[in-house]
Amino acid sequence: MALIICVFVIQAKAWWWLIGLVPIAVLWNPIVVIELHGQGWVSAQFIAALVFIIVGIRTKVPTAVHR
């Protein structure tokens, strides 16, 4: 999901959101599992959810105009 949102952020030319999305894509990737535990990991999950919500609300991807 983070990688899909990264594509939308790039299309919208809102590069600064990649600062929050790339670490999410790395830490929660399904190919190379990174085992993390504890309260910090639980907090990171809430922060990641907030980043997704904020980026989803704030990012506006321009639509293509057909002539």
PDB file of N, CA and C in Angstrom:
ATOM      1  N   MET A   1       0.820  -1.186   0.000  1.00  0.00           N
ATOM      2  CA  MET A   1       0.000   0.000   0.000  1.00  0.00           C
ATOM      3  C   MET A   1       0.869   1.257   0.000  1.00  0.00           C
ATOM      4  N   ALA A   2       1.940   1.233   0.782  1.00  0.00           N
ATOM      5  CA  ALA A   2       2.819   2.405   0.837  1.00  0.00           C
ATOM      6  C   ALA A   2       3.459   2.676  -0.517  1.00  0.00           C
ATOM      7  N   LEU A   3       3.815   1.617  -1.243  1.00  0.00           N
ATOM      8  CA  LEU A   3       4.425   1.818  -2.561  1.00  0.00           C
ATOM      9  C   LEU A   3       3.423   2.391  -3.558  1.00  0.00           C
ATOM     10  N   ILE A   4       2.177   1.987  -3.473  1.00  0.00           N
ATOM     11  CA  ILE A   4       1.141   2.546  -4.351  1.00  0.00           C
ATOM     12  C   ILE A   4       0.957   4.025  -4.051  1.00  0.00           C
ATOM     13  N   ILE A   5       0.916   4.368  -2.778  1.00  0.00           N
ATOM     14  CA  ILE A   5       0.773   5.776  -2.407  1.00  0.00           C
ATOM     15  C   ILE A   5       2.018   6.563  -2.818  1.00  0.00           C
ATOM     16  N   CYS A   6       3.201   5.933  -2.777  1.00  0.00           N
ATOM     17  CA  CYS A   6       4.426   6.591  -3.257  1.00  0.00           C
ATOM     18  C   CYS A   6       4.286   6.983  -4.729  1.00  0.00           C
ATOM     19  N   VAL A   7       3.694   6.119  -5.529  1.00  0.00           N
ATOM     20  CA  VAL A   7       3.488   6.425  -6.951  1.00  0.00           C
ATOM     21  C   VAL A   7       2.572   7.634  -7.091  1.00  0.00           C
ATOM     22  N   PHE A   8       1.495   7.689  -6.332  1.00  0.00           N
ATOM     23  CA  PHE A   8       0.588   8.832  -6.398  1.00  0.00           C
ATOM     24  C   PHE A   8       1.271  10.119  -5.941  1.00  0.00           C
ATOM     25  N   VAL A   9       2.096  10.018  -4.917  1.00  0.00           N
ATOM     26  CA  VAL A   9       2.817  11.193  -4.414  1.00  0.00           C
ATOM     27  C   VAL A   9       3.786  11.709  -5.472  1.00  0.00           C
ATOM     28  N   ILE A  10       4.456  10.807  -6.161  1.00  0.00           N
ATOM     29  CA  ILE A  10       5.374  11.211  -7.230  1.00  0.00           C
ATOM     30  C   ILE A  10       4.602  11.867  -8.371  1.00  0.00           C
ATOM     31  N   GLN A  11       3.457  11.308  -8.733  1.00  0.00           N
ATOM     32  CA  GLN A  11       2.635  11.901  -9.791  1.00  0.00           C
ATOM     33  C   GLN A  11       2.144  13.295  -9.400  1.00  0.00           C
ATOM     34  N   ALA A  12       1.867  13.483  -8.126  1.00  0.00           N
ATOM     35  CA  ALA A  12       1.393  14.782  -7.651  1.00  0.00           C
ATOM     36  C   ALA A  12       2.536  15.764  -7.404  1.00  0.00           C
ATOM     37  N   LYS A  13       3.775  15.294  -7.585  1.00  0.00           N
ATOM     38  CA  LYS A  13       4.966  16.112  -7.352  1.00  0.00           C
ATOM     39  C   LYS A  13       5.024  16.645  -5.918  1.00  0.00           C
ATOM     40  N   ALA A  14       4.614  15.792  -4.977  1.00  0.00           N
ATOM     41  CA  ALA A  14       4.667  16.118  -3.559  1.00  0.00           C
ATOM     42  C   ALA A  14       5.729  15.225  -2.924  1.00  0.00           C
ATOM     43  N   TRP A  15       6.969  15.463  -3.303  1.00  0.00           N
ATOM     44  CA  TRP A  15       8.085  14.592  -2.939  1.00  0.00           C
ATOM     45  C   TRP A  15       8.296  14.460  -1.444  1.00  0.00           C
ATOM     46  N   TRP A  16       7.979  15.484  -0.667  1.00  0.00           N
ATOM     47  CA  TRP A  16       8.264  15.473   0.765  1.00  0.00           C
ATOM     48  C   TRP A  16       7.518  14.357   1.502  1.00  0.00           C
ATOM     49  N   TRP A  17       6.420  13.862   0.949  1.00  0.00           N
ATOM     50  CA  TRP A  17       5.707  12.765   1.601  1.00  0.00           C
ATOM     51  C   TRP A  17       6.491  11.459   1.548  1.00  0.00           C
ATOM     52  N   LEU A  18       7.448  11.369   0.641  1.00  0.00           N
ATOM     53  CA  LEU A  18       8.265  10.154   0.553  1.00  0.00           C
ATOM     54  C   LEU A  18       9.096   9.942   1.818  1.00  0.00           C
ATOM     55  N   ILE A  19       9.360  11.016   2.551  1.00  0.00           N
ATOM     56  CA  ILE A  19      10.123  10.902   3.804  1.00  0.00           C
ATOM     57  C   ILE A  19       9.397   9.997   4.797  1.00  0.00           C
ATOM     58  N   GLY A  20       8.099  10.039   4.816  1.00  0.00           N
ATOM     59  CA  GLY A  20       7.333   9.178   5.711  1.00  0.00           C
ATOM     60  C   GLY A  20       6.932   7.860   5.088  1.00  0.00           C
ATOM     61  N   LEU A  21       6.733   7.839   3.762  1.00  0.00           N
ATOM     62  CA  LEU A  21       6.223   6.638   3.107  1.00  0.00           C
ATOM     63  C   LEU A  21       7.286   5.582   2.828  1.00  0.00           C
ATOM     64  N   VAL A  22       8.492   6.006   2.489  1.00  0.00           N
ATOM     65  CA  VAL A  22       9.545   5.032   2.178  1.00  0.00           C
ATOM     66  C   VAL A  22       9.905   4.178   3.400  1.00  0.00           C
ATOM     67  N   PRO A  23      10.079   4.765   4.591  1.00  0.00           N
ATOM     68  CA  PRO A  23      10.337   3.899   5.755  1.00  0.00           C
ATOM     69  C   PRO A  23       9.188   2.931   6.041  1.00  0.00           C
ATOM     70  N   ILE A  24       7.953   3.364   5.810  1.00  0.00           N
ATOM     71  CA  ILE A  24       6.816   2.463   5.988  1.00  0.00           C
ATOM     72  C   ILE A  24       6.911   1.310   5.002  1.00  0.00           C
ATOM     73  N   ALA A  25       7.239   1.612   3.754  1.00  0.00           N
ATOM     74  CA  ALA A  25       7.363   0.564   2.740  1.00  0.00           C
ATOM     75  C   ALA A  25       8.472  -0.423   3.085  1.00  0.00           C
ATOM     76  N   VAL A  26       9.548   0.062   3.682  1.00  0.00           N
ATOM     77  CA  VAL A  26      10.673  -0.819   4.029  1.00  0.00           C
ATOM     78  C   VAL A  26      10.338  -1.659   5.262  1.00  0.00           C
ATOM     79  N   LEU A  27       9.801  -1.046   6.296  1.00  0.00           N
ATOM     80  CA  LEU A  27       9.548  -1.764   7.550  1.00  0.00           C
ATOM     81  C   LEU A  27       8.400  -2.763   7.450  1.00  0.00           C
ATOM     82  N   TRP A  28       7.408  -2.477   6.611  1.00  0.00           N
ATOM     83  CA  TRP A  28       6.251  -3.363   6.505  1.00  0.00           C
ATOM     84  C   TRP A  28       6.228  -4.135   5.190  1.00  0.00           C
ATOM     85  N   ASN A  29       7.383  -4.340   4.576  1.00  0.00           N
ATOM     86  CA  ASN A  29       7.383  -5.066   3.301  1.00  0.00           C
ATOM     87  C   ASN A  29       7.174  -6.560   3.551  1.00  0.00           C
ATOM     88  N   PRO A  30       6.438  -7.237   2.655  1.00  0.00           N
ATOM     89  CA  PRO A  30       6.141  -8.654   2.868  1.00  0.00           C
ATOM     90  C   PRO A  30       7.231  -9.603   2.378  1.00  0.00           C
ATOM     91  N   ILE A  31       8.249  -9.121   1.702  1.00  0.00           N
ATOM     92  CA  ILE A  31       9.267  -9.997   1.123  1.00  0.00           C
ATOM     93  C   ILE A  31      10.373 -10.273   2.133  1.00  0.00           C
ATOM     94  N   VAL A  32      10.933  -9.220   2.717  1.00  0.00           N
ATOM     95  CA  VAL A  32      11.968  -9.367   3.741  1.00  0.00           C
ATOM     96  C   VAL A  32      11.358  -8.898   5.057  1.00  0.00           C
ATOM     97  N   VAL A  33      10.970  -9.843   5.875  1.00  0.00           N
ATOM     98  CA  VAL A  33      10.275  -9.522   7.127  1.00  0.00           C
ATOM     99  C   VAL A  33      11.284  -9.040   8.165  1.00  0.00           C
ATOM    100  N   ILE A  34      10.990  -7.890   8.757  1.00  0.00           N
ATOM    101  CA  ILE A  34      11.810  -7.333   9.828  1.00  0.00           C
ATOM    102  C   ILE A  34      11.037  -7.538  11.132  1.00  0.00           C
ATOM    103  N   GLU A  35      11.563  -8.373  12.002  1.00  0.00           N
ATOM    104  CA  GLU A  35      10.885  -8.683  13.269  1.00  0.00           C
ATOM    105  C   GLU A  35      11.121  -7.549  14.277  1.00  0.00           C
ATOM    106  N   LEU A  36      10.082  -6.837  14.606  1.00  0.00           N
ATOM    107  CA  LEU A  36      10.154  -5.775  15.607  1.00  0.00           C
ATOM    108  C   LEU A  36       9.060  -6.007  16.638  1.00  0.00           C
ATOM    109  N   HIS A  37       9.372  -5.724  17.892  1.00  0.00           N
ATOM    110  CA  HIS A  37       8.421  -5.946  18.981  1.00  0.00           C
ATOM    111  C   HIS A  37       8.483  -4.776  19.947  1.00  0.00           C
ATOM    112  N   GLY A  38       7.527  -4.734  20.835  1.00  0.00           N
ATOM    113  CA  GLY A  38       7.555  -3.758  21.908  1.00  0.00           C
ATOM    114  C   GLY A  38       6.656  -2.565  21.679  1.00  0.00           C
ATOM    115  N   GLN A  39       6.671  -1.677  22.643  1.00  0.00           N
ATOM    116  CA  GLN A  39       5.813  -0.500  22.617  1.00  0.00           C
ATOM    117  C   GLN A  39       6.179   0.457  21.480  1.00  0.00           C
ATOM    118  N   GLY A  40       7.453   0.553  21.163  1.00  0.00           N
ATOM    119  CA  GLY A  40       7.868   1.412  20.050  1.00  0.00           C
ATOM    120  C   GLY A  40       7.279   0.956  18.733  1.00  0.00           C
ATOM    121  N   TRP A  41       7.194  -0.345  18.534  1.00  0.00           N
ATOM    122  CA  TRP A  41       6.629  -0.895  17.299  1.00  0.00           C
ATOM    123  C   TRP A  41       5.122  -0.625  17.226  1.00  0.00           C
ATOM    124  N   VAL A  42       4.456  -0.741  18.380  1.00  0.00           N
ATOM    125  CA  VAL A  42       3.023  -0.448  18.415  1.00  0.00           C
ATOM    126  C   VAL A  42       2.789   1.033  18.102  1.00  0.00           C
ATOM    127  N   SER A  43       3.610   1.890  18.650  1.00  0.00           N
ATOM    128  CA  SER A  43       3.504   3.324  18.370  1.00  0.00           C
ATOM    129  C   SER A  43       3.770   3.612  16.890  1.00  0.00           C
ATOM    130  N   ALA A  44       4.741   2.924  16.308  1.00  0.00           N
ATOM    131  CA  ALA A  44       5.060   3.119  14.891  1.00  0.00           C
ATOM    132  C   ALA A  44       3.882   2.730  14.004  1.00  0.00           C
ATOM    133  N   GLN A  45       3.113   1.732  14.411  1.00  0.00           N
ATOM    134  CA  GLN A  45       1.951   1.333  13.625  1.00  0.00           C
ATOM    135  C   GLN A  45       0.890   2.428  13.614  1.00  0.00           C
ATOM    136  N   PHE A  46       0.678   3.079  14.754  1.00  0.00           N
ATOM    137  CA  PHE A  46      -0.274   4.182  14.807  1.00  0.00           C
ATOM    138  C   PHE A  46       0.221   5.381  13.993  1.00  0.00           C
ATOM    139  N   ILE A  47       1.510   5.655  14.079  1.00  0.00           N
ATOM    140  CA  ILE A  47       2.085   6.759  13.300  1.00  0.00           C
ATOM    141  C   ILE A  47       1.965   6.474  11.809  1.00  0.00           C
ATOM    142  N   ALA A  48       2.222   5.237  11.402  1.00  0.00           N
ATOM    143  CA  ALA A  48       2.090   4.865   9.990  1.00  0.00           C
ATOM    144  C   ALA A  48       0.656   5.041   9.516  1.00  0.00           C
ATOM    145  N   ALA A  49      -0.307   4.658  10.335  1.00  0.00           N
ATOM    146  CA  ALA A  49      -1.715   4.845   9.973  1.00  0.00           C
ATOM    147  C   ALA A  49      -2.033   6.328   9.806  1.00  0.00           C
ATOM    148  N   LEU A  50      -1.514   7.162  10.692  1.00  0.00           N
ATOM    149  CA  LEU A  50      -1.731   8.610  10.566  1.00  0.00           C
ATOM    150  C   LEU A  50      -1.097   9.171   9.304  1.00  0.00           C
ATOM    151  N   VAL A  51       0.107   8.685   8.967  1.00  0.00           N
ATOM    152  CA  VAL A  51       0.770   9.142   7.741  1.00  0.00           C
ATOM    153  C   VAL A  51      -0.084   8.781   6.527  1.00  0.00           C
ATOM    154  N   PHE A  52      -0.606   7.550   6.482  1.00  0.00           N
ATOM    155  CA  PHE A  52      -1.473   7.146   5.369  1.00  0.00           C
ATOM    156  C   PHE A  52      -2.693   8.049   5.257  1.00  0.00           C
ATOM    157  N   ILE A  53      -3.343   8.324   6.376  1.00  0.00           N
ATOM    158  CA  ILE A  53      -4.550   9.156   6.360  1.00  0.00           C
ATOM    159  C   ILE A  53      -4.229  10.567   5.910  1.00  0.00           C
ATOM    160  N   ILE A  54      -3.176  11.161   6.459  1.00  0.00           N
ATOM    161  CA  ILE A  54      -2.825  12.541   6.114  1.00  0.00           C
ATOM    162  C   ILE A  54      -2.414  12.650   4.656  1.00  0.00           C
ATOM    163  N   VAL A  55      -1.585  11.715   4.178  1.00  0.00           N
ATOM    164  CA  VAL A  55      -1.151  11.753   2.779  1.00  0.00           C
ATOM    165  C   VAL A  55      -2.349  11.559   1.859  1.00  0.00           C
ATOM    166  N   GLY A  56      -3.244  10.655   2.218  1.00  0.00           N
ATOM    167  CA  GLY A  56      -4.432  10.423   1.394  1.00  0.00           C
ATOM    168  C   GLY A  56      -5.329  11.637   1.280  1.00  0.00           C
ATOM    169  N   ILE A  57      -5.430  12.394   2.351  1.00  0.00           N
ATOM    170  CA  ILE A  57      -6.271  13.592   2.341  1.00  0.00           C
ATOM    171  C   ILE A  57      -5.577  14.741   1.618  1.00  0.00           C
ATOM    172  N   ARG A  58      -4.281  14.900   1.819  1.00  0.00           N
ATOM    173  CA  ARG A  58      -3.564  16.077   1.317  1.00  0.00           C
ATOM    174  C   ARG A  58      -3.061  15.966  -0.123  1.00  0.00           C
ATOM    175  N   THR A  59      -2.909  14.744  -0.649  1.00  0.00           N
ATOM    176  CA  THR A  59      -2.313  14.573  -1.976  1.00  0.00           C
ATOM    177  C   THR A  59      -3.387  14.647  -3.053  1.00  0.00           C
ATOM    178  N   LYS A  60      -3.181  15.501  -4.008  1.00  0.00           N
ATOM    179  CA  LYS A  60      -4.093  15.656  -5.135  1.00  0.00           C
ATOM    180  C   LYS A  60      -3.332  15.334  -6.420  1.00  0.00           C
ATOM    181  N   VAL A  61      -3.688  14.215  -7.051  1.00  0.00           N
ATOM    182  CA  VAL A  61      -3.031  13.798  -8.290  1.00  0.00           C
ATOM    183  C   VAL A  61      -3.762  14.454  -9.451  1.00  0.00           C
ATOM    184  N   PRO A  62      -3.030  15.143 -10.321  1.00  0.00           N
ATOM    185  CA  PRO A  62      -3.692  15.780 -11.469  1.00  0.00           C
ATOM    186  C   PRO A  62      -4.232  14.736 -12.425  1.00  0.00           C
ATOM    187  N   THR A  63      -5.389  15.031 -12.999  1.00  0.00           N
ATOM    188  CA  THR A  63      -5.990  14.114 -13.965  1.00  0.00           C
ATOM    189  C   THR A  63      -5.575  14.510 -15.383  1.00  0.00           C
ATOM    190  N   ALA A  64      -5.522  13.534 -16.257  1.00  0.00           N
ATOM    191  CA  ALA A  64      -5.144  13.792 -17.653  1.00  0.00           C
ATOM    192  C   ALA A  64      -6.362  14.352 -18.397  1.00  0.00           C
ATOM    193  N   VAL A  65      -6.129  15.370 -19.210  1.00  0.00           N
ATOM    194  CA  VAL A  65      -7.195  15.977 -19.999  1.00  0.00           C
ATOM    195  C   VAL A  65      -7.062  15.464 -21.424  1.00  0.00           C
ATOM    196  N   HIS A  66      -8.123  14.831 -21.916  1.00  0.00           N
ATOM    197  CA  HIS A  66      -8.104  14.296 -23.282  1.00  0.00           C
ATOM    198  C   HIS A  66      -8.699  15.301 -24.230  1.00  0.00           C
ATOM    199  N   ARG A  67      -8.055  15.476 -25.373  1.00  0.00           N
ATOM    200  CA  ARG A  67      -8.562  16.431 -26.369  1.00  0.00           C
ATOM    201  C   ARG A  67      -9.068  15.715 -27.580  1.00  0.00           C
TER     202      ARG A  67
END
